[in-house]
PDB file of N, CA and C in Angstrom:
ATOM      1  N   MET A   1     -31.772  84.343 131.621  1.00  0.00           N
ATOM      2  CA  MET A   1     -32.048  85.499 130.744  1.00  0.00           C
ATOM      3  C   MET A   1     -33.046  86.428 131.476  1.00  0.00           C
ATOM      4  N   PRO A   2     -32.732  87.723 131.558  1.00  0.00           N
ATOM      5  CA  PRO A   2     -33.543  88.664 132.284  1.00  0.00           C
ATOM      6  C   PRO A   2     -34.893  88.812 131.521  1.00  0.00           C
ATOM      7  N   ASN A   3     -35.938  89.157 132.286  1.00  0.00           N
ATOM      8  CA  ASN A   3     -37.264  89.514 131.796  1.00  0.00           C
ATOM      9  C   ASN A   3     -37.395  91.060 131.779  1.00  0.00           C
ATOM     10  N   PRO A   4     -37.217  91.646 130.634  1.00  0.00           N
ATOM     11  CA  PRO A   4     -37.229  93.196 130.582  1.00  0.00           C
ATOM     12  C   PRO A   4     -38.470  93.794 130.651  1.00  0.00           C
ATOM     13  N   ILE A   5     -38.552  94.943 131.362  1.00  0.00           N
ATOM     14  CA  ILE A   5     -39.632  95.980 131.223  1.00  0.00           C
ATOM     15  C   ILE A   5     -38.821  97.274 130.906  1.00  0.00           C
ATOM     16  N   TYR A   6     -39.590  98.279 130.504  1.00  0.00           N
ATOM     17  CA  TYR A   6     -39.037  99.424 130.013  1.00  0.00           C
ATOM     18  C   TYR A   6     -39.459 100.716 130.650  1.00  0.00           C
ATOM     19  N   LYS A   7     -38.471 101.681 130.761  1.00  0.00           N
ATOM     20  CA  LYS A   7     -38.714 102.949 131.309  1.00  0.00           C
ATOM     21  C   LYS A   7     -38.127 104.019 130.392  1.00  0.00           C
ATOM     22  N   ILE A   8     -38.846 105.055 130.111  1.00  0.00           N
ATOM     23  CA  ILE A   8     -38.339 106.147 129.241  1.00  0.00           C
ATOM     24  C   ILE A   8     -38.031 107.324 130.142  1.00  0.00           C
ATOM     25  N   LEU A   9     -36.771 107.844 130.017  1.00  0.00           N
ATOM     26  CA  LEU A   9     -36.312 108.977 130.789  1.00  0.00           C
ATOM     27  C   LEU A   9     -35.718 110.034 129.845  1.00  0.00           C
ATOM     28  N   SER A  10     -35.639 111.300 130.371  1.00  0.00           N
ATOM     29  CA  SER A  10     -34.826 112.273 129.709  1.00  0.00           C
ATOM     30  C   SER A  10     -33.402 111.877 129.919  1.00  0.00           C
ATOM     31  N   GLN A  11     -32.525 112.449 129.073  1.00  0.00           N
ATOM     32  CA  GLN A  11     -31.093 112.248 129.244  1.00  0.00           C
ATOM     33  C   GLN A  11     -30.610 112.817 130.637  1.00  0.00           C
ATOM     34  N   ASP A  12     -31.200 114.035 130.930  1.00  0.00           N
ATOM     35  CA  ASP A  12     -30.747 114.603 132.283  1.00  0.00           C
ATOM     36  C   ASP A  12     -31.151 113.687 133.442  1.00  0.00           C
ATOM     37  N   ASP A  13     -32.355 113.103 133.419  1.00  0.00           N
ATOM     38  CA  ASP A  13     -32.747 112.205 134.421  1.00  0.00           C
ATOM     39  C   ASP A  13     -31.874 110.976 134.492  1.00  0.00           C
ATOM     40  N   TRP A  14     -31.526 110.487 133.270  1.00  0.00           N
ATOM     41  CA  TRP A  14     -30.692 109.295 133.261  1.00  0.00           C
ATOM     42  C   TRP A  14     -29.250 109.576 133.797  1.00  0.00           C
ATOM     43  N   ARG A  15     -28.741 110.747 133.488  1.00  0.00           N
ATOM     44  CA  ARG A  15     -27.398 111.131 134.023  1.00  0.00           C
ATOM     45  C   ARG A  15     -27.479 111.241 135.631  1.00  0.00           C
ATOM     46  N   ALA A  16     -28.626 111.852 136.182  1.00  0.00           N
ATOM     47  CA  ALA A  16     -28.777 111.988 137.511  1.00  0.00           C
ATOM     48  C   ALA A  16     -28.978 110.576 138.235  1.00  0.00           C
ATOM     49  N   PHE A  17     -29.575 109.682 137.529  1.00  0.00           N
ATOM     50  CA  PHE A  17     -29.831 108.294 138.050  1.00  0.00           C
ATOM     51  C   PHE A  17     -28.480 107.551 138.084  1.00  0.00           C
ATOM     52  N   GLU A  18     -27.686 107.713 137.030  1.00  0.00           N
ATOM     53  CA  GLU A  18     -26.416 107.116 137.004  1.00  0.00           C
ATOM     54  C   GLU A  18     -25.520 107.597 138.166  1.00  0.00           C
ATOM     55  N   ALA A  19     -25.562 108.893 138.406  1.00  0.00           N
ATOM     56  CA  ALA A  19     -24.691 109.489 139.497  1.00  0.00           C
ATOM     57  C   ALA A  19     -25.246 109.096 140.843  1.00  0.00           C
ATOM     58  N   ALA A  20     -26.474 108.926 141.066  1.00  0.00           N
ATOM     59  CA  ALA A  20     -27.037 108.641 142.392  1.00  0.00           C
ATOM     60  C   ALA A  20     -27.079 107.159 142.568  1.00  0.00           C
ATOM     61  N   GLY A  21     -27.135 106.303 141.513  1.00  0.00           N
ATOM     62  CA  GLY A  21     -27.187 104.899 141.658  1.00  0.00           C
ATOM     63  C   GLY A  21     -28.630 104.415 141.949  1.00  0.00           C
ATOM     64  N   ARG A  22     -29.632 105.379 142.039  1.00  0.00           N
ATOM     65  CA  ARG A  22     -31.007 104.962 142.301  1.00  0.00           C
ATOM     66  C   ARG A  22     -31.899 106.033 141.661  1.00  0.00           C
ATOM     67  N   TYR A  23     -33.094 105.694 141.339  1.00  0.00           N
ATOM     68  CA  TYR A  23     -34.078 106.535 140.644  1.00  0.00           C
ATOM     69  C   TYR A  23     -35.362 106.556 141.482  1.00  0.00           C
ATOM     70  N   GLN A  24     -35.749 107.687 141.928  1.00  0.00           N
ATOM     71  CA  GLN A  24     -36.953 107.898 142.712  1.00  0.00           C
ATOM     72  C   GLN A  24     -38.209 108.044 141.827  1.00  0.00           C
ATOM     73  N   GLY A  25     -37.986 108.210 140.506  1.00  0.00           N
ATOM     74  CA  GLY A  25     -39.125 108.462 139.695  1.00  0.00           C
ATOM     75  C   GLY A  25     -39.292 109.947 139.142  1.00  0.00           C
ATOM     76  N   SER A  26     -40.098 110.005 138.128  1.00  0.00           N
ATOM     77  CA  SER A  26     -40.440 111.325 137.550  1.00  0.00           C
ATOM     78  C   SER A  26     -41.402 112.040 138.366  1.00  0.00           C
ATOM     79  N   ALA A  27     -41.823 113.236 138.052  1.00  0.00           N
ATOM     80  CA  ALA A  27     -42.791 113.934 138.769  1.00  0.00           C
ATOM     81  C   ALA A  27     -44.177 113.179 138.690  1.00  0.00           C
ATOM     82  N   ASP A  28     -44.478 112.660 137.554  1.00  0.00           N
ATOM     83  CA  ASP A  28     -45.682 111.748 137.428  1.00  0.00           C
ATOM     84  C   ASP A  28     -45.627 110.581 138.276  1.00  0.00           C
ATOM     85  N   ASP A  29     -44.447 109.975 138.314  1.00  0.00           N
ATOM     86  CA  ASP A  29     -44.257 108.706 139.219  1.00  0.00           C
ATOM     87  C   ASP A  29     -44.508 109.061 140.627  1.00  0.00           C
ATOM     88  N   LYS A  30     -43.954 110.149 141.108  1.00  0.00           N
ATOM     89  CA  LYS A  30     -44.029 110.570 142.454  1.00  0.00           C
ATOM     90  C   LYS A  30     -45.441 110.888 142.833  1.00  0.00           C
ATOM     91  N   ARG A  31     -46.164 111.574 141.932  1.00  0.00           N
ATOM     92  CA  ARG A  31     -47.579 111.988 142.122  1.00  0.00           C
ATOM     93  C   ARG A  31     -48.428 110.699 142.304  1.00  0.00           C
ATOM     94  N   ASP A  32     -48.065 109.572 141.470  1.00  0.00           N
ATOM     95  CA  ASP A  32     -48.966 108.384 141.511  1.00  0.00           C
ATOM     96  C   ASP A  32     -48.522 107.360 142.556  1.00  0.00           C
ATOM     97  N   GLY A  33     -47.272 107.624 143.149  1.00  0.00           N
ATOM     98  CA  GLY A  33     -46.891 106.758 144.284  1.00  0.00           C
ATOM     99  C   GLY A  33     -46.045 105.517 143.808  1.00  0.00           C
ATOM    100  N   PHE A  34     -45.788 105.482 142.478  1.00  0.00           N
ATOM    101  CA  PHE A  34     -44.987 104.303 142.025  1.00  0.00           C
ATOM    102  C   PHE A  34     -44.280 104.726 140.690  1.00  0.00           C
ATOM    103  N   ILE A  35     -43.285 103.969 140.294  1.00  0.00           N
ATOM    104  CA  ILE A  35     -42.563 104.257 139.036  1.00  0.00           C
ATOM    105  C   ILE A  35     -43.280 103.426 137.894  1.00  0.00           C
ATOM    106  N   HIS A  36     -43.603 104.133 136.942  1.00  0.00           N
ATOM    107  CA  HIS A  36     -44.364 103.517 135.754  1.00  0.00           C
ATOM    108  C   HIS A  36     -43.358 102.857 134.801  1.00  0.00           C
ATOM    109  N   PHE A  37     -43.706 101.739 134.406  1.00  0.00           N
ATOM    110  CA  PHE A  37     -42.918 100.975 133.395  1.00  0.00           C
ATOM    111  C   PHE A  37     -43.932 100.510 132.295  1.00  0.00           C
ATOM    112  N   SER A  38     -43.322  99.985 131.233  1.00  0.00           N
ATOM    113  CA  SER A  38     -44.150  99.381 130.128  1.00  0.00           C
ATOM    114  C   SER A  38     -43.468  98.083 129.786  1.00  0.00           C
ATOM    115  N   SER A  39     -44.380  97.110 129.313  1.00  0.00           N
ATOM    116  CA  SER A  39     -43.804  95.928 128.786  1.00  0.00           C
ATOM    117  C   SER A  39     -43.319  96.228 127.310  1.00  0.00           C
ATOM    118  N   GLN A  40     -42.706  95.207 126.696  1.00  0.00           N
ATOM    119  CA  GLN A  40     -42.296  95.408 125.331  1.00  0.00           C
ATOM    120  C   GLN A  40     -43.478  95.673 124.398  1.00  0.00           C
ATOM    121  N   ASP A  41     -44.618  95.128 124.783  1.00  0.00           N
ATOM    122  CA  ASP A  41     -45.814  95.375 123.749  1.00  0.00           C
ATOM    123  C   ASP A  41     -46.393  96.751 124.119  1.00  0.00           C
ATOM    124  N   GLN A  42     -46.084  97.378 125.161  1.00  0.00           N
ATOM    125  CA  GLN A  42     -46.669  98.642 125.596  1.00  0.00           C
ATOM    126  C   GLN A  42     -45.838  99.916 125.323  1.00  0.00           C
ATOM    127  N   VAL A  43     -44.423  99.679 125.258  1.00  0.00           N
ATOM    128  CA  VAL A  43     -43.606 100.876 125.350  1.00  0.00           C
ATOM    129  C   VAL A  43     -43.688 101.851 124.238  1.00  0.00           C
ATOM    130  N   GLN A  44     -43.932 101.366 122.993  1.00  0.00           N
ATOM    131  CA  GLN A  44     -44.102 102.255 121.809  1.00  0.00           C
ATOM    132  C   GLN A  44     -45.335 103.176 121.989  1.00  0.00           C
ATOM    133  N   ALA A  45     -46.462 102.543 122.500  1.00  0.00           N
ATOM    134  CA  ALA A  45     -47.711 103.384 122.740  1.00  0.00           C
ATOM    135  C   ALA A  45     -47.417 104.352 123.853  1.00  0.00           C
ATOM    136  N   THR A  46     -46.661 103.922 124.864  1.00  0.00           N
ATOM    137  CA  THR A  46     -46.356 104.821 126.001  1.00  0.00           C
ATOM    138  C   THR A  46     -45.568 106.037 125.448  1.00  0.00           C
ATOM    139  N   ALA A  47     -44.554 105.823 124.576  1.00  0.00           N
ATOM    140  CA  ALA A  47     -43.730 106.895 124.042  1.00  0.00           C
ATOM    141  C   ALA A  47     -44.661 107.795 123.213  1.00  0.00           C
ATOM    142  N   ALA A  48     -45.502 107.271 122.498  1.00  0.00           N
ATOM    143  CA  ALA A  48     -46.347 108.138 121.568  1.00  0.00           C
ATOM    144  C   ALA A  48     -47.334 108.928 122.459  1.00  0.00           C
ATOM    145  N   LYS A  49     -47.837 108.351 123.529  1.00  0.00           N
ATOM    146  CA  LYS A  49     -48.895 109.081 124.327  1.00  0.00           C
ATOM    147  C   LYS A  49     -48.257 110.164 125.341  1.00  0.00           C
ATOM    148  N   HIS A  50     -47.061 109.748 125.964  1.00  0.00           N
ATOM    149  CA  HIS A  50     -46.521 110.511 127.018  1.00  0.00           C
ATOM    150  C   HIS A  50     -45.265 111.327 126.601  1.00  0.00           C
ATOM    151  N   PHE A  51     -44.673 111.000 125.485  1.00  0.00           N
ATOM    152  CA  PHE A  51     -43.293 111.669 125.172  1.00  0.00           C
ATOM    153  C   PHE A  51     -43.340 112.046 123.675  1.00  0.00           C
ATOM    154  N   ALA A  52     -44.555 112.297 123.098  1.00  0.00           N
ATOM    155  CA  ALA A  52     -44.645 112.686 121.644  1.00  0.00           C
ATOM    156  C   ALA A  52     -43.792 113.949 121.445  1.00  0.00           C
ATOM    157  N   GLY A  53     -42.989 113.912 120.394  1.00  0.00           N
ATOM    158  CA  GLY A  53     -42.169 115.011 119.975  1.00  0.00           C
ATOM    159  C   GLY A  53     -40.991 115.281 120.783  1.00  0.00           C
ATOM    160  N   GLN A  54     -40.815 114.575 121.896  1.00  0.00           N
ATOM    161  CA  GLN A  54     -39.597 114.877 122.822  1.00  0.00           C
ATOM    162  C   GLN A  54     -38.359 114.115 122.280  1.00  0.00           C
ATOM    163  N   ASP A  55     -37.335 114.952 122.257  1.00  0.00           N
ATOM    164  CA  ASP A  55     -36.059 114.342 121.812  1.00  0.00           C
ATOM    165  C   ASP A  55     -35.139 114.226 123.092  1.00  0.00           C
ATOM    166  N   ASP A  56     -33.958 113.797 123.000  1.00  0.00           N
ATOM    167  CA  ASP A  56     -33.030 113.554 124.128  1.00  0.00           C
ATOM    168  C   ASP A  56     -33.590 112.632 125.225  1.00  0.00           C
ATOM    169  N   LEU A  57     -34.168 111.498 124.723  1.00  0.00           N
ATOM    170  CA  LEU A  57     -34.679 110.519 125.633  1.00  0.00           C
ATOM    171  C   LEU A  57     -33.810 109.327 125.684  1.00  0.00           C
ATOM    172  N   VAL A  58     -33.949 108.537 126.724  1.00  0.00           N
ATOM    173  CA  VAL A  58     -33.213 107.317 126.957  1.00  0.00           C
ATOM    174  C   VAL A  58     -34.186 106.254 127.309  1.00  0.00           C
ATOM    175  N   LEU A  59     -33.984 105.037 126.643  1.00  0.00           N
ATOM    176  CA  LEU A  59     -34.920 103.881 126.890  1.00  0.00           C
ATOM    177  C   LEU A  59     -34.080 102.954 127.753  1.00  0.00           C
ATOM    178  N   LEU A  60     -34.688 102.654 129.030  1.00  0.00           N
ATOM    179  CA  LEU A  60     -34.009 101.717 129.834  1.00  0.00           C
ATOM    180  C   LEU A  60     -34.743 100.392 129.774  1.00  0.00           C
ATOM    181  N   SER A  61     -33.877  99.364 129.655  1.00  0.00           N
ATOM    182  CA  SER A  61     -34.441  98.027 129.870  1.00  0.00           C
ATOM    183  C   SER A  61     -33.983  97.634 131.280  1.00  0.00           C
ATOM    184  N   VAL A  62     -34.997  97.105 132.023  1.00  0.00           N
ATOM    185  CA  VAL A  62     -34.822  96.799 133.437  1.00  0.00           C
ATOM    186  C   VAL A  62     -35.255  95.300 133.665  1.00  0.00           C
ATOM    187  N   ASP A  63     -34.447  94.646 134.520  1.00  0.00           N
ATOM    188  CA  ASP A  63     -34.715  93.208 134.844  1.00  0.00           C
ATOM    189  C   ASP A  63     -35.843  93.220 135.781  1.00  0.00           C
ATOM    190  N   ALA A  64     -37.016  92.802 135.206  1.00  0.00           N
ATOM    191  CA  ALA A  64     -38.313  92.773 136.126  1.00  0.00           C
ATOM    192  C   ALA A  64     -38.184  91.756 137.208  1.00  0.00           C
ATOM    193  N   ASP A  65     -37.551  90.643 136.921  1.00  0.00           N
ATOM    194  CA  ASP A  65     -37.455  89.534 137.932  1.00  0.00           C
ATOM    195  C   ASP A  65     -36.581  89.972 139.169  1.00  0.00           C
ATOM    196  N   ALA A  66     -35.654  90.855 138.849  1.00  0.00           N
ATOM    197  CA  ALA A  66     -34.813  91.285 139.983  1.00  0.00           C
ATOM    198  C   ALA A  66     -35.484  92.323 141.008  1.00  0.00           C
ATOM    199  N   LEU A  67     -36.602  92.795 140.641  1.00  0.00           N
ATOM    200  CA  LEU A  67     -37.265  93.864 141.377  1.00  0.00           C
ATOM    201  C   LEU A  67     -38.123  93.246 142.557  1.00  0.00           C
ATOM    202  N   GLY A  68     -38.385  92.003 142.567  1.00  0.00           N
ATOM    203  CA  GLY A  68     -39.099  91.314 143.715  1.00  0.00           C
ATOM    204  C   GLY A  68     -40.494  91.859 143.838  1.00  0.00           C
ATOM    205  N   PRO A  69     -41.037  91.803 145.053  1.00  0.00           N
ATOM    206  CA  PRO A  69     -42.396  92.041 145.302  1.00  0.00           C
ATOM    207  C   PRO A  69     -42.813  93.559 145.206  1.00  0.00           C
ATOM    208  N   ALA A  70     -41.770  94.355 145.079  1.00  0.00           N
ATOM    209  CA  ALA A  70     -42.102  95.830 144.928  1.00  0.00           C
ATOM    210  C   ALA A  70     -42.686  96.086 143.582  1.00  0.00           C
ATOM    211  N   LEU A  71     -42.413  95.168 142.598  1.00  0.00           N
ATOM    212  CA  LEU A  71     -43.051  95.327 141.299  1.00  0.00           C
ATOM    213  C   LEU A  71     -44.372  94.599 141.202  1.00  0.00           C
ATOM    214  N   ARG A  72     -45.411  95.356 140.816  1.00  0.00           N
ATOM    215  CA  ARG A  72     -46.722  94.758 140.620  1.00  0.00           C
ATOM    216  C   ARG A  72     -47.259  95.167 139.213  1.00  0.00           C
ATOM    217  N   PHE A  73     -47.998  94.216 138.730  1.00  0.00           N
ATOM    218  CA  PHE A  73     -48.678  94.396 137.418  1.00  0.00           C
ATOM    219  C   PHE A  73     -50.113  94.823 137.727  1.00  0.00           C
ATOM    220  N   GLU A  74     -50.481  96.043 137.355  1.00  0.00           N
ATOM    221  CA  GLU A  74     -51.837  96.584 137.739  1.00  0.00           C
ATOM    222  C   GLU A  74     -52.504  97.089 136.527  1.00  0.00           C
ATOM    223  N   VAL A  75     -53.841  96.999 136.505  1.00  0.00           N
ATOM    224  CA  VAL A  75     -54.674  97.436 135.337  1.00  0.00           C
ATOM    225  C   VAL A  75     -54.597  98.975 135.294  1.00  0.00           C
ATOM    226  N   SER A  76     -54.320  99.371 134.141  1.00  0.00           N
ATOM    227  CA  SER A  76     -54.100 100.836 133.806  1.00  0.00           C
ATOM    228  C   SER A  76     -54.871 101.150 132.451  1.00  0.00           C
ATOM    229  N   ARG A  77     -54.107 101.893 131.610  1.00  0.00           N
ATOM    230  CA  ARG A  77     -54.704 102.308 130.312  1.00  0.00           C
ATOM    231  C   ARG A  77     -55.360 101.235 129.516  1.00  0.00           C
ATOM    232  N   GLY A  78     -56.614 101.456 129.140  1.00  0.00           N
ATOM    233  CA  GLY A  78     -57.342 100.502 128.354  1.00  0.00           C
ATOM    234  C   GLY A  78     -57.514  99.130 128.916  1.00  0.00           C
ATOM    235  N   GLY A  79     -57.473  98.958 130.196  1.00  0.00           N
ATOM    236  CA  GLY A  79     -57.642  97.765 130.894  1.00  0.00           C
ATOM    237  C   GLY A  79     -56.392  96.869 130.930  1.00  0.00           C
ATOM    238  N   ALA A  80     -55.299  97.297 130.317  1.00  0.00           N
ATOM    239  CA  ALA A  80     -54.107  96.487 130.212  1.00  0.00           C
ATOM    240  C   ALA A  80     -53.375  96.565 131.558  1.00  0.00           C
ATOM    241  N   GLU A  81     -52.565  95.495 131.838  1.00  0.00           N
ATOM    242  CA  GLU A  81     -51.827  95.476 133.028  1.00  0.00           C
ATOM    243  C   GLU A  81     -50.475  96.071 132.784  1.00  0.00           C
ATOM    244  N   PHE A  82     -50.069  97.051 133.546  1.00  0.00           N
ATOM    245  CA  PHE A  82     -48.756  97.711 133.358  1.00  0.00           C
ATOM    246  C   PHE A  82     -47.910  97.426 134.659  1.00  0.00           C
ATOM    247  N   PRO A  83     -46.546  97.316 134.443  1.00  0.00           N
ATOM    248  CA  PRO A  83     -45.698  97.117 135.581  1.00  0.00           C
ATOM    249  C   PRO A  83     -45.575  98.441 136.336  1.00  0.00           C
ATOM    250  N   HIS A  84     -45.734  98.411 137.641  1.00  0.00           N
ATOM    251  CA  HIS A  84     -45.552  99.540 138.525  1.00  0.00           C
ATOM    252  C   HIS A  84     -44.562  99.097 139.629  1.00  0.00           C
ATOM    253  N   LEU A  85     -43.509  99.895 139.936  1.00  0.00           N
ATOM    254  CA  LEU A  85     -42.557  99.633 140.983  1.00  0.00           C
ATOM    255  C   LEU A  85     -42.812 100.598 142.156  1.00  0.00           C
ATOM    256  N   TYR A  86     -43.058  99.947 143.316  1.00  0.00           N
ATOM    257  CA  TYR A  86     -43.336 100.623 144.568  1.00  0.00           C
ATOM    258  C   TYR A  86     -42.057 100.759 145.299  1.00  0.00           C
ATOM    259  N   GLY A  87     -41.177 101.683 144.972  1.00  0.00           N
ATOM    260  CA  GLY A  87     -39.965 101.977 145.551  1.00  0.00           C
ATOM    261  C   GLY A  87     -38.959 102.466 144.569  1.00  0.00           C
ATOM    262  N   PRO A  88     -37.805 102.809 145.019  1.00  0.00           N
ATOM    263  CA  PRO A  88     -36.832 103.326 144.082  1.00  0.00           C
ATOM    264  C   PRO A  88     -36.299 102.127 143.134  1.00  0.00           C
ATOM    265  N   LEU A  89     -35.812 102.605 141.930  1.00  0.00           N
ATOM    266  CA  LEU A  89     -35.106 101.675 141.072  1.00  0.00           C
ATOM    267  C   LEU A  89     -33.623 101.790 141.215  1.00  0.00           C
ATOM    268  N   GLN A  90     -32.977 100.639 141.415  1.00  0.00           N
ATOM    269  CA  GLN A  90     -31.552 100.686 141.606  1.00  0.00           C
ATOM    270  C   GLN A  90     -30.858 100.542 140.261  1.00  0.00           C
ATOM    271  N   LEU A  91     -29.748 101.228 140.141  1.00  0.00           N
ATOM    272  CA  LEU A  91     -28.973 101.169 138.857  1.00  0.00           C
ATOM    273  C   LEU A  91     -28.609  99.725 138.542  1.00  0.00           C
ATOM    274  N   ALA A  92     -28.329  98.852 139.532  1.00  0.00           N
ATOM    275  CA  ALA A  92     -27.956  97.474 139.263  1.00  0.00           C
ATOM    276  C   ALA A  92     -28.970  96.700 138.466  1.00  0.00           C
ATOM    277  N   HIS A  93     -30.268  97.178 138.516  1.00  0.00           N
ATOM    278  CA  HIS A  93     -31.350  96.461 137.799  1.00  0.00           C
ATOM    279  C   HIS A  93     -31.555  96.921 136.421  1.00  0.00           C
ATOM    280  N   VAL A  94     -30.716  97.897 135.941  1.00  0.00           N
ATOM    281  CA  VAL A  94     -30.835  98.337 134.557  1.00  0.00           C
ATOM    282  C   VAL A  94     -29.915  97.423 133.710  1.00  0.00           C
ATOM    283  N   ILE A  95     -30.587  96.748 132.771  1.00  0.00           N
ATOM    284  CA  ILE A  95     -29.838  95.878 131.791  1.00  0.00           C
ATOM    285  C   ILE A  95     -29.157  96.654 130.824  1.00  0.00           C
ATOM    286  N   GLU A  96     -29.799  97.693 130.184  1.00  0.00           N
ATOM    287  CA  GLU A  96     -29.291  98.469 129.118  1.00  0.00           C
ATOM    288  C   GLU A  96     -29.979  99.755 129.063  1.00  0.00           C
ATOM    289  N   ALA A  97     -29.172 100.834 128.628  1.00  0.00           N
ATOM    290  CA  ALA A  97     -29.709 102.156 128.437  1.00  0.00           C
ATOM    291  C   ALA A  97     -29.370 102.540 126.992  1.00  0.00           C
ATOM    292  N   GLN A  98     -30.437 102.872 126.223  1.00  0.00           N
ATOM    293  CA  GLN A  98     -30.126 103.196 124.789  1.00  0.00           C
ATOM    294  C   GLN A  98     -30.849 104.551 124.384  1.00  0.00           C
ATOM    295  N   PRO A  99     -30.211 105.315 123.528  1.00  0.00           N
ATOM    296  CA  PRO A  99     -30.917 106.457 123.067  1.00  0.00           C
ATOM    297  C   PRO A  99     -32.231 106.137 122.385  1.00  0.00           C
ATOM    298  N   LEU A 100     -33.180 107.062 122.589  1.00  0.00           N
ATOM    299  CA  LEU A 100     -34.482 106.946 121.959  1.00  0.00           C
ATOM    300  C   LEU A 100     -34.736 108.132 121.040  1.00  0.00           C
ATOM    301  N   PRO A 101     -34.136 108.200 119.906  1.00  0.00           N
ATOM    302  CA  PRO A 101     -34.229 109.412 119.025  1.00  0.00           C
ATOM    303  C   PRO A 101     -35.489 109.491 118.337  1.00  0.00           C
ATOM    304  N   LEU A 102     -35.735 110.751 117.930  1.00  0.00           N
ATOM    305  CA  LEU A 102     -36.949 110.988 117.061  1.00  0.00           C
ATOM    306  C   LEU A 102     -36.443 110.785 115.608  1.00  0.00           C
ATOM    307  N   GLY A 103     -37.376 110.233 114.832  1.00  0.00           N
ATOM    308  CA  GLY A 103     -37.092 110.095 113.372  1.00  0.00           C
ATOM    309  C   GLY A 103     -37.465 111.409 112.693  1.00  0.00           C
ATOM    310  N   PRO A 104     -37.238 111.551 111.401  1.00  0.00           N
ATOM    311  CA  PRO A 104     -37.705 112.735 110.646  1.00  0.00           C
ATOM    312  C   PRO A 104     -39.179 112.928 110.653  1.00  0.00           C
ATOM    313  N   ASP A 105     -39.881 111.857 110.878  1.00  0.00           N
ATOM    314  CA  ASP A 105     -41.361 111.965 110.915  1.00  0.00           C
ATOM    315  C   ASP A 105     -41.922 112.286 112.280  1.00  0.00           C
ATOM    316  N   GLY A 106     -41.002 112.565 113.325  1.00  0.00           N
ATOM    317  CA  GLY A 106     -41.347 112.924 114.662  1.00  0.00           C
ATOM    318  C   GLY A 106     -41.781 111.729 115.495  1.00  0.00           C
ATOM    319  N   VAL A 107     -41.571 110.471 114.961  1.00  0.00           N
ATOM    320  CA  VAL A 107     -41.832 109.246 115.686  1.00  0.00           C
ATOM    321  C   VAL A 107     -40.569 108.734 116.354  1.00  0.00           C
ATOM    322  N   HIS A 108     -40.660 108.249 117.549  1.00  0.00           N
ATOM    323  CA  HIS A 108     -39.396 107.713 118.171  1.00  0.00           C
ATOM    324  C   HIS A 108     -38.966 106.385 117.490  1.00  0.00           C
ATOM    325  N   ARG A 109     -37.664 106.262 117.388  1.00  0.00           N
ATOM    326  CA  ARG A 109     -37.076 105.168 116.727  1.00  0.00           C
ATOM    327  C   ARG A 109     -36.548 104.183 117.765  1.00  0.00           C
ATOM    328  N   PHE A 110     -37.273 103.039 117.923  1.00  0.00           N
ATOM    329  CA  PHE A 110     -36.958 102.028 118.885  1.00  0.00           C
ATOM    330  C   PHE A 110     -35.919 101.118 118.427  1.00  0.00           C
ATOM    331  N   PRO A 111     -35.214 100.468 119.321  1.00  0.00           N
ATOM    332  CA  PRO A 111     -34.107  99.436 118.949  1.00  0.00           C
ATOM    333  C   PRO A 111     -34.966  98.287 118.203  1.00  0.00           C
ATOM    334  N   VAL A 112     -34.329  97.627 117.394  1.00  0.00           N
ATOM    335  CA  VAL A 112     -34.902  96.496 116.702  1.00  0.00           C
ATOM    336  C   VAL A 112     -35.453  95.384 117.651  1.00  0.00           C
ATOM    337  N   THR A 113     -34.754  95.208 118.799  1.00  0.00           N
ATOM    338  CA  THR A 113     -35.217  94.244 119.700  1.00  0.00           C
ATOM    339  C   THR A 113     -36.689  94.550 120.280  1.00  0.00           C
ATOM    340  N   ILE A 114     -37.082  95.819 120.244  1.00  0.00           N
ATOM    341  CA  ILE A 114     -38.429  96.190 120.730  1.00  0.00           C
ATOM    342  C   ILE A 114     -39.418  96.027 119.585  1.00  0.00           C
ATOM    343  N   THR A 115     -39.052  96.397 118.368  1.00  0.00           N
ATOM    344  CA  THR A 115     -39.934  96.518 117.268  1.00  0.00           C
ATOM    345  C   THR A 115     -40.180  95.125 116.523  1.00  0.00           C
ATOM    346  N   THR A 116     -39.417  94.098 116.867  1.00  0.00           N
ATOM    347  CA  THR A 116     -39.664  92.855 116.140  1.00  0.00           C
ATOM    348  C   THR A 116     -40.355  91.863 116.970  1.00  0.00           C
TER     349      THR A 116
END
């Protein structure tokens, strides 16, 4: 059973990732030198902090175990350890891609597997 971590992308970035077969990261990722991910316990707060009010998003579930030593858990926001990938993400490591819509209240609606 895969050990998932999560990445939020725009639909445009997801389509480009699918076409290329690899993802080099967002502008923020490139600036920081690694691809930012969140654990299941962190991803909703990440969406609220960094993607508030944004529609047309995709939530990627990624197999953390398949990423090898390029994946490091490092202290970040609030002293919590976040997963950071030092290198490109390969399409083969994506377990699932799901829409991340906004609800009528402006809050993202996560899949039940994330919220339970």
